[in-house]
């Protein structure tokens, strides 16, 4: 089975592929290009990743609180 077949057969991989394609399209629409390693220094890339990770922590905390609220409402 080819990699493409594996992705098509696996709903998780298919969703990740679709998300990457959508994110790439958004980047092209907004910036006119895809990610360019030369856009930032190594330190700047690390700082950018740290900022993105902090956003992810915020999103996950919100989701956790919502799930806890739903669970508490059922108890």
Protein backbone atom coordinates (compact mmCIF):
# COMPACT_ATOMS: atom_id res chain seq x y z
CA UNK A 1 0.00 0.00 0.00
CA UNK A 2 1.38 3.44 -0.91
CA UNK A 3 1.68 6.37 1.47
CA UNK A 4 -1.20 8.09 -0.31
CA UNK A 5 -3.36 4.98 0.15
CA UNK A 6 -2.46 4.84 3.84
CA UNK A 7 -3.45 8.47 4.31
CA UNK A 8 -6.72 7.99 2.44
CA UNK A 9 -7.54 4.88 4.48
CA UNK A 10 -6.81 6.50 7.85
CA UNK A 11 -9.29 9.19 8.97
CA UNK A 12 -6.81 10.73 11.42
CA UNK A 13 -4.10 11.10 8.78
CA UNK A 14 -6.67 12.36 6.28
CA UNK A 15 -7.78 15.08 8.71
CA UNK A 16 -4.17 16.10 9.37
CA UNK A 17 -3.48 16.27 5.64
CA UNK A 18 -6.61 18.36 5.08
CA UNK A 19 -5.62 20.69 7.93
CA UNK A 20 -2.14 21.15 6.47
CA UNK A 21 -3.60 21.91 3.06
CA UNK A 22 -6.05 24.46 4.54
CA UNK A 23 -3.31 26.09 6.64
CA UNK A 24 -1.05 26.30 3.59
CA UNK A 25 -3.84 27.93 1.58
CA UNK A 26 -4.41 30.46 4.38
CA UNK A 27 -0.70 31.27 4.46
CA UNK A 28 -0.57 31.71 0.71
CA UNK A 29 -3.62 33.98 0.77
CA UNK A 30 -2.27 36.07 3.66
CA UNK A 31 1.46 36.18 2.88
CA UNK A 32 1.66 35.14 -0.78
CA UNK A 33 4.12 32.36 0.05
CA UNK A 34 4.62 29.25 2.15
CA UNK A 35 6.94 29.00 5.13
CA UNK A 36 10.47 30.13 4.36
CA UNK A 37 13.26 29.03 6.73
CA UNK A 38 15.19 32.17 5.81
CA UNK A 39 12.44 34.49 7.12
CA UNK A 40 13.79 34.32 10.68
CA UNK A 41 16.95 33.51 12.55
CA UNK A 42 17.08 30.27 14.51
CA UNK A 43 16.40 32.19 17.73
CA UNK A 44 13.43 33.95 16.12
CA UNK A 45 12.01 30.59 14.97
CA UNK A 46 12.34 29.29 18.53
CA UNK A 47 10.62 32.40 19.90
CA UNK A 48 7.82 32.01 17.36
CA UNK A 49 7.38 28.35 18.33
CA UNK A 50 7.27 29.31 22.03
CA UNK A 51 4.55 31.89 21.33
CA UNK A 52 2.54 29.37 19.30
CA UNK A 53 2.94 26.80 22.08
CA UNK A 54 1.62 29.27 24.63
CA UNK A 55 -1.45 29.83 22.46
CA UNK A 56 -1.91 26.06 22.31
CA UNK A 57 -1.77 25.84 26.11
CA UNK A 58 -4.48 28.49 26.36
CA UNK A 59 -6.72 26.64 23.86
CA UNK A 60 -6.23 23.30 25.63
CA UNK A 61 -6.97 24.85 29.02
CA UNK A 62 -10.22 26.31 27.70
CA UNK A 63 -11.24 22.92 26.27
CA UNK A 64 -10.34 21.16 29.52
CA UNK A 65 -12.45 23.59 31.53
CA UNK A 66 -15.39 23.14 29.16
CA UNK A 67 -15.14 19.35 29.44
CA UNK A 68 -14.94 19.59 33.24
CA UNK A 69 -18.02 21.81 33.27
CA UNK A 70 -19.91 19.31 31.10
CA UNK A 71 -18.82 16.42 33.33
CA UNK A 72 -19.81 18.30 36.49
CA UNK A 73 -23.21 19.13 35.00
CA UNK A 74 -23.83 15.41 34.41
CA UNK A 75 -22.78 14.38 37.94
